[in-house]
Amino acid sequence: MVRSELKVQCESALMRSVAGQGNGVYSAQITLVILGLSKAENPG
């Protein structure tokens, strides 16, 4: 559950980044975090 909540927070931050300043590097870092959490939740 903690991972899911963290993923939601990351996605929200990603949306704010895109909608606000549109910082590509920051957005990419958050995307990698989300993908990492997804892999952690669903190994293999």
Protein backbone atom coordinates (compact mmCIF):
# COMPACT_ATOMS: atom_id res chain seq x y z
CA MET A 1 0.00 0.00 0.00
CA VAL A 2 2.81 2.37 0.83
CA ARG A 3 4.32 1.86 -2.61
CA SER A 4 0.98 2.53 -4.27
CA GLU A 5 0.53 5.77 -2.34
CA LEU A 6 4.08 6.83 -3.21
CA LYS A 7 3.42 6.06 -6.87
CA VAL A 8 0.31 8.26 -6.82
CA GLN A 9 2.33 11.08 -5.27
CA CYS A 10 5.00 10.68 -7.93
CA GLU A 11 2.40 10.75 -10.68
CA SER A 12 0.85 13.89 -9.18
CA ALA A 13 4.27 15.54 -9.06
CA LEU A 14 4.84 14.51 -12.67
CA MET A 15 1.56 16.09 -13.74
CA ARG A 16 2.44 19.32 -11.90
CA SER A 17 5.86 19.34 -13.51
CA VAL A 18 4.43 18.91 -17.00
CA ALA A 19 1.60 21.39 -16.47
CA GLY A 20 3.80 23.92 -14.69
CA GLN A 21 7.37 24.40 -15.74
CA GLY A 22 7.58 21.44 -18.13
CA ASN A 23 11.03 20.46 -16.88
CA GLY A 24 11.85 17.47 -19.08
CA VAL A 25 14.70 16.20 -16.94
CA TYR A 26 12.66 16.33 -13.73
CA SER A 27 9.73 14.61 -15.45
CA ALA A 28 12.00 11.86 -16.77
CA GLN A 29 13.40 11.22 -13.29
CA ILE A 30 9.90 10.87 -11.84
CA THR A 31 8.92 8.56 -14.68
CA LEU A 32 11.89 6.32 -13.89
CA VAL A 33 10.82 6.26 -10.24
CA ILE A 34 7.29 5.25 -11.23
CA LEU A 35 8.61 2.51 -13.50
CA GLY A 36 10.90 1.30 -10.73
CA LEU A 37 7.99 1.11 -8.28
CA SER A 38 5.90 -0.73 -10.86
CA LYS A 39 8.64 -3.32 -11.30
CA ALA A 40 8.98 -3.65 -7.52
CA GLU A 41 5.25 -4.29 -7.22
CA ASN A 42 5.18 -6.73 -10.15
CA PRO A 43 8.51 -8.59 -10.28
CA GLY A 44 9.22 -10.40 -13.52
